[in-house]
Amino acid sequence: MHTLVLQLNQYCFTAFKFLFKMPVKIRLQRHGSKKRPFYFIVVADARSPRDGKFIQKLGTYNPLTTPATVQLDRQRALDWLHKGAQPTDTVRKILSYKGVLYLKHLLRGVGLGLFDEATAMTKFQSWHSEHEAQIRKRQEEAQRERRGRRTPPYQRRERRPAQGGSEG
């Protein structure tokens, strides 16, 4: 009797755990060749394989550029976060980098009545403009560094006439 109760409790706990675990994830789907990664940011069922079927494509991520290139549909990502999709750790950093998590935070403040939506959007726009300036600065620094590493093009030496020769 005692073991039956324990088994029933364990079954209920497992079922309860799966009820509140969201099966939809926002994650990276790897593409590109060997040692040249390129990722799609997708919304997929947590049980599907990494490169398998997905629900919706939100954008792309290229870690090989300096700084990393991220193309993201901010509104669709925000909608999926509001629906309860859980981002993986890497995607959470990407969403933070693009400002999606900050926008979600501001909209939660609007929902709680702390400030109105216009104030939230002005806060987000000011953050976004500062962030874009920092990104441009990083890109320019990377370009300067690449130019500095370049070797100068090969220059051909001019031929000098032979010296000390007797003339005819």
C-alpha atoms as a PDB file:
ATOM      1  CA  MET A   1       0.000   0.000   0.000  1.00  0.00           C
ATOM      2  CA  HIS A   2       2.804   2.396   0.928  1.00  0.00           C
ATOM      3  CA  THR A   3       4.678   1.830  -2.351  1.00  0.00           C
ATOM      4  CA  LEU A   4       1.482   2.392  -4.318  1.00  0.00           C
ATOM      5  CA  VAL A   5       1.039   5.811  -2.683  1.00  0.00           C
ATOM      6  CA  LEU A   6       4.671   6.724  -3.424  1.00  0.00           C
ATOM      7  CA  GLN A   7       4.307   5.676  -7.058  1.00  0.00           C
ATOM      8  CA  LEU A   8       1.080   7.665  -7.356  1.00  0.00           C
ATOM      9  CA  ASN A   9       2.736  10.750  -5.809  1.00  0.00           C
ATOM     10  CA  GLN A  10       5.696  10.446  -8.159  1.00  0.00           C
ATOM     11  CA  TYR A  11       3.368  10.085 -11.154  1.00  0.00           C
ATOM     12  CA  CYS A  12       1.362  13.162 -10.094  1.00  0.00           C
ATOM     13  CA  PHE A  13       4.554  15.163  -9.557  1.00  0.00           C
ATOM     14  CA  THR A  14       5.871  14.218 -13.001  1.00  0.00           C
ATOM     15  CA  ALA A  15       2.560  15.059 -14.665  1.00  0.00           C
ATOM     16  CA  PHE A  16       2.403  18.362 -12.747  1.00  0.00           C
ATOM     17  CA  LYS A  17       5.961  19.216 -13.792  1.00  0.00           C
ATOM     18  CA  PHE A  18       5.142  18.702 -17.473  1.00  0.00           C
ATOM     19  CA  LEU A  19       1.955  20.755 -17.247  1.00  0.00           C
ATOM     20  CA  PHE A  20       3.887  23.918 -16.451  1.00  0.00           C
ATOM     21  CA  LYS A  21       6.937  23.333 -18.590  1.00  0.00           C
ATOM     22  CA  MET A  22       6.459  25.223 -21.838  1.00  0.00           C
ATOM     23  CA  PRO A  23       7.209  22.944 -24.778  1.00  0.00           C
ATOM     24  CA  VAL A  24       7.991  25.862 -27.125  1.00  0.00           C
ATOM     25  CA  LYS A  25      11.540  27.229 -27.244  1.00  0.00           C
ATOM     26  CA  ILE A  26      13.235  30.046 -29.102  1.00  0.00           C
ATOM     27  CA  ARG A  27      16.555  28.570 -30.126  1.00  0.00           C
ATOM     28  CA  LEU A  28      19.327  28.466 -32.707  1.00  0.00           C
ATOM     29  CA  GLN A  29      19.248  26.137 -35.690  1.00  0.00           C
ATOM     30  CA  ARG A  30      22.704  25.533 -37.134  1.00  0.00           C
ATOM     31  CA  HIS A  31      23.475  25.959 -40.813  1.00  0.00           C
ATOM     32  CA  GLY A  32      26.704  26.602 -42.672  1.00  0.00           C
ATOM     33  CA  SER A  33      29.604  24.303 -43.391  1.00  0.00           C
ATOM     34  CA  LYS A  34      32.128  22.752 -41.052  1.00  0.00           C
ATOM     35  CA  LYS A  35      33.875  25.399 -38.912  1.00  0.00           C
ATOM     36  CA  ARG A  36      31.815  28.148 -40.599  1.00  0.00           C
ATOM     37  CA  PRO A  37      28.688  28.371 -38.425  1.00  0.00           C
ATOM     38  CA  PHE A  38      25.591  30.308 -39.399  1.00  0.00           C
ATOM     39  CA  TYR A  39      22.380  30.092 -37.387  1.00  0.00           C
ATOM     40  CA  PHE A  40      18.670  30.669 -37.869  1.00  0.00           C
ATOM     41  CA  ILE A  41      16.798  31.920 -34.816  1.00  0.00           C
ATOM     42  CA  VAL A  42      13.649  29.793 -34.728  1.00  0.00           C
ATOM     43  CA  VAL A  43      10.665  29.005 -32.555  1.00  0.00           C
ATOM     44  CA  ALA A  44      10.422  25.224 -32.210  1.00  0.00           C
ATOM     45  CA  ASP A  45       8.879  22.532 -30.095  1.00  0.00           C
ATOM     46  CA  ALA A  46      11.328  21.592 -27.338  1.00  0.00           C
ATOM     47  CA  ARG A  47      11.033  17.923 -28.284  1.00  0.00           C
ATOM     48  CA  SER A  48      12.030  18.393 -31.933  1.00  0.00           C
ATOM     49  CA  PRO A  49      15.696  17.945 -32.948  1.00  0.00           C
ATOM     50  CA  ARG A  50      18.045  20.938 -33.147  1.00  0.00           C
ATOM     51  CA  ASP A  51      18.055  21.159 -36.933  1.00  0.00           C
ATOM     52  CA  GLY A  52      14.617  19.614 -37.361  1.00  0.00           C
ATOM     53  CA  LYS A  53      11.200  21.062 -37.900  1.00  0.00           C
ATOM     54  CA  PHE A  54      10.323  24.455 -36.445  1.00  0.00           C
ATOM     55  CA  ILE A  55       7.229  26.618 -36.030  1.00  0.00           C
ATOM     56  CA  GLN A  56       8.511  30.004 -37.212  1.00  0.00           C
ATOM     57  CA  LYS A  57      11.809  31.594 -38.256  1.00  0.00           C
ATOM     58  CA  LEU A  58      12.535  34.842 -36.402  1.00  0.00           C
ATOM     59  CA  GLY A  59      15.899  35.815 -37.853  1.00  0.00           C
ATOM     60  CA  THR A  60      19.545  34.932 -38.429  1.00  0.00           C
ATOM     61  CA  TYR A  61      22.778  35.060 -36.418  1.00  0.00           C
ATOM     62  CA  ASN A  62      26.286  35.081 -37.887  1.00  0.00           C
ATOM     63  CA  PRO A  63      28.974  34.828 -35.165  1.00  0.00           C
ATOM     64  CA  LEU A  64      31.886  35.064 -37.624  1.00  0.00           C
ATOM     65  CA  THR A  65      31.619  38.813 -38.248  1.00  0.00           C
ATOM     66  CA  THR A  66      32.972  41.442 -35.844  1.00  0.00           C
ATOM     67  CA  PRO A  67      30.707  42.276 -34.065  1.00  0.00           C
ATOM     68  CA  ALA A  68      28.355  39.358 -34.681  1.00  0.00           C
ATOM     69  CA  THR A  69      25.609  40.075 -37.226  1.00  0.00           C
ATOM     70  CA  VAL A  70      22.049  39.564 -35.986  1.00  0.00           C
ATOM     71  CA  GLN A  71      18.941  40.020 -38.129  1.00  0.00           C
ATOM     72  CA  LEU A  72      15.813  39.687 -35.989  1.00  0.00           C
ATOM     73  CA  ASP A  73      12.108  40.405 -36.340  1.00  0.00           C
ATOM     74  CA  ARG A  74      11.703  42.154 -33.005  1.00  0.00           C
ATOM     75  CA  GLN A  75       7.895  42.195 -33.003  1.00  0.00           C
ATOM     76  CA  ARG A  76       7.494  38.468 -33.702  1.00  0.00           C
ATOM     77  CA  ALA A  77      10.071  37.612 -31.031  1.00  0.00           C
ATOM     78  CA  LEU A  78       8.221  39.810 -28.533  1.00  0.00           C
ATOM     79  CA  ASP A  79       4.902  38.132 -29.423  1.00  0.00           C
ATOM     80  CA  TRP A  80       6.385  34.670 -28.809  1.00  0.00           C
ATOM     81  CA  LEU A  81       7.856  35.776 -25.480  1.00  0.00           C
ATOM     82  CA  HIS A  82       4.433  37.079 -24.426  1.00  0.00           C
ATOM     83  CA  LYS A  83       2.914  33.718 -25.402  1.00  0.00           C
ATOM     84  CA  GLY A  84       5.357  31.987 -23.056  1.00  0.00           C
ATOM     85  CA  ALA A  85       8.101  30.666 -25.344  1.00  0.00           C
ATOM     86  CA  GLN A  86      11.338  30.101 -23.433  1.00  0.00           C
ATOM     87  CA  PRO A  87      14.593  31.285 -25.070  1.00  0.00           C
ATOM     88  CA  THR A  88      17.774  29.245 -24.669  1.00  0.00           C
ATOM     89  CA  ASP A  89      20.748  30.905 -22.975  1.00  0.00           C
ATOM     90  CA  THR A  90      22.416  32.031 -26.200  1.00  0.00           C
ATOM     91  CA  VAL A  91      19.171  33.300 -27.691  1.00  0.00           C
ATOM     92  CA  ARG A  92      18.425  35.140 -24.436  1.00  0.00           C
ATOM     93  CA  LYS A  93      21.719  37.035 -24.865  1.00  0.00           C
ATOM     94  CA  ILE A  94      20.892  37.777 -28.501  1.00  0.00           C
ATOM     95  CA  LEU A  95      17.414  39.052 -27.562  1.00  0.00           C
ATOM     96  CA  SER A  96      18.967  41.193 -24.852  1.00  0.00           C
ATOM     97  CA  TYR A  97      21.519  42.546 -27.349  1.00  0.00           C
ATOM     98  CA  LYS A  98      18.742  43.504 -29.770  1.00  0.00           C
ATOM     99  CA  GLY A  99      16.599  45.055 -27.011  1.00  0.00           C
ATOM    100  CA  VAL A 100      13.672  42.634 -27.127  1.00  0.00           C
ATOM    101  CA  LEU A 101      13.924  41.754 -23.437  1.00  0.00           C
ATOM    102  CA  TYR A 102      14.187  45.435 -22.489  1.00  0.00           C
ATOM    103  CA  LEU A 103      11.089  46.183 -24.551  1.00  0.00           C
ATOM    104  CA  LYS A 104       9.245  43.312 -22.849  1.00  0.00           C
ATOM    105  CA  HIS A 105      10.295  44.758 -19.483  1.00  0.00           C
ATOM    106  CA  LEU A 106       8.994  48.218 -20.437  1.00  0.00           C
ATOM    107  CA  LEU A 107       5.687  46.815 -21.694  1.00  0.00           C
ATOM    108  CA  ARG A 108       5.264  44.954 -18.412  1.00  0.00           C
ATOM    109  CA  GLY A 109       5.626  48.323 -16.664  1.00  0.00           C
ATOM    110  CA  VAL A 110       2.915  49.715 -18.933  1.00  0.00           C
ATOM    111  CA  GLY A 111       0.680  46.763 -18.026  1.00  0.00           C
ATOM    112  CA  LEU A 112       1.216  47.414 -14.321  1.00  0.00           C
ATOM    113  CA  GLY A 113       0.318  51.084 -14.799  1.00  0.00           C
ATOM    114  CA  LEU A 114       3.728  52.490 -13.845  1.00  0.00           C
ATOM    115  CA  PHE A 115       3.877  54.657 -16.986  1.00  0.00           C
ATOM    116  CA  ASP A 116       2.125  54.990 -20.329  1.00  0.00           C
ATOM    117  CA  GLU A 117       3.104  53.372 -23.635  1.00  0.00           C
ATOM    118  CA  ALA A 118       4.437  56.608 -25.160  1.00  0.00           C
ATOM    119  CA  THR A 119       6.942  56.965 -22.300  1.00  0.00           C
ATOM    120  CA  ALA A 120       7.984  53.349 -22.731  1.00  0.00           C
ATOM    121  CA  MET A 121       8.585  53.845 -26.451  1.00  0.00           C
ATOM    122  CA  THR A 122      10.633  57.023 -25.893  1.00  0.00           C
ATOM    123  CA  LYS A 123      12.769  55.163 -23.344  1.00  0.00           C
ATOM    124  CA  PHE A 124      13.269  52.318 -25.798  1.00  0.00           C
ATOM    125  CA  GLN A 125      14.100  54.663 -28.698  1.00  0.00           C
ATOM    126  CA  SER A 126      16.737  56.489 -26.630  1.00  0.00           C
ATOM    127  CA  TRP A 127      18.282  53.172 -25.570  1.00  0.00           C
ATOM    128  CA  HIS A 128      18.180  51.912 -29.167  1.00  0.00           C
ATOM    129  CA  SER A 129      19.932  54.998 -30.584  1.00  0.00           C
ATOM    130  CA  GLU A 130      22.721  54.767 -27.966  1.00  0.00           C
ATOM    131  CA  HIS A 131      23.095  51.052 -28.641  1.00  0.00           C
ATOM    132  CA  GLU A 132      23.319  51.551 -32.414  1.00  0.00           C
ATOM    133  CA  ALA A 133      26.035  54.191 -31.889  1.00  0.00           C
ATOM    134  CA  GLN A 134      28.046  51.712 -29.798  1.00  0.00           C
ATOM    135  CA  ILE A 135      27.662  49.039 -32.485  1.00  0.00           C
ATOM    136  CA  ARG A 136      28.848  51.440 -35.214  1.00  0.00           C
ATOM    137  CA  LYS A 137      31.842  52.388 -33.061  1.00  0.00           C
ATOM    138  CA  ARG A 138      32.766  48.697 -32.622  1.00  0.00           C
ATOM    139  CA  GLN A 139      32.456  48.072 -36.361  1.00  0.00           C
ATOM    140  CA  GLU A 140      34.720  51.018 -37.173  1.00  0.00           C
ATOM    141  CA  GLU A 141      37.320  49.840 -34.634  1.00  0.00           C
ATOM    142  CA  ALA A 142      37.266  46.354 -36.148  1.00  0.00           C
ATOM    143  CA  GLN A 143      37.727  47.785 -39.652  1.00  0.00           C
ATOM    144  CA  ARG A 144      40.678  49.921 -38.485  1.00  0.00           C
ATOM    145  CA  GLU A 145      42.243  46.881 -36.844  1.00  0.00           C
ATOM    146  CA  ARG A 146      41.831  44.809 -40.027  1.00  0.00           C
ATOM    147  CA  ARG A 147      43.404  47.569 -42.113  1.00  0.00           C
ATOM    148  CA  GLY A 148      46.324  47.759 -39.670  1.00  0.00           C
ATOM    149  CA  ARG A 149      46.969  44.012 -39.933  1.00  0.00           C
ATOM    150  CA  ARG A 150      47.078  44.094 -43.719  1.00  0.00           C
ATOM    151  CA  THR A 151      50.514  43.843 -45.270  1.00  0.00           C
ATOM    152  CA  PRO A 152      51.354  46.514 -47.804  1.00  0.00           C
ATOM    153  CA  PRO A 153      51.080  45.360 -51.412  1.00  0.00           C
ATOM    154  CA  TYR A 154      54.250  44.056 -53.027  1.00  0.00           C
ATOM    155  CA  GLN A 155      56.189  46.782 -54.773  1.00  0.00           C
ATOM    156  CA  ARG A 156      58.554  45.985 -57.562  1.00  0.00           C
ATOM    157  CA  ARG A 157      62.050  47.384 -57.203  1.00  0.00           C
ATOM    158  CA  GLU A 158      63.302  49.492 -60.058  1.00  0.00           C
ATOM    159  CA  ARG A 159      66.253  48.151 -62.011  1.00  0.00           C
ATOM    160  CA  ARG A 160      69.404  50.115 -61.687  1.00  0.00           C
ATOM    161  CA  PRO A 161      71.804  50.367 -64.565  1.00  0.00           C
ATOM    162  CA  ALA A 162      75.043  48.428 -64.094  1.00  0.00           C
ATOM    163  CA  GLN A 163      77.859  50.571 -62.702  1.00  0.00           C
ATOM    164  CA  GLY A 164      81.584  50.411 -63.446  1.00  0.00           C
ATOM    165  CA  GLY A 165      81.129  49.178 -66.962  1.00  0.00           C
ATOM    166  CA  SER A 166      83.486  50.389 -69.682  1.00  0.00           C
ATOM    167  CA  GLU A 167      82.022  52.181 -72.576  1.00  0.00           C
ATOM    168  CA  GLY A 168      82.987  51.192 -75.991  1.00  0.00           C
END
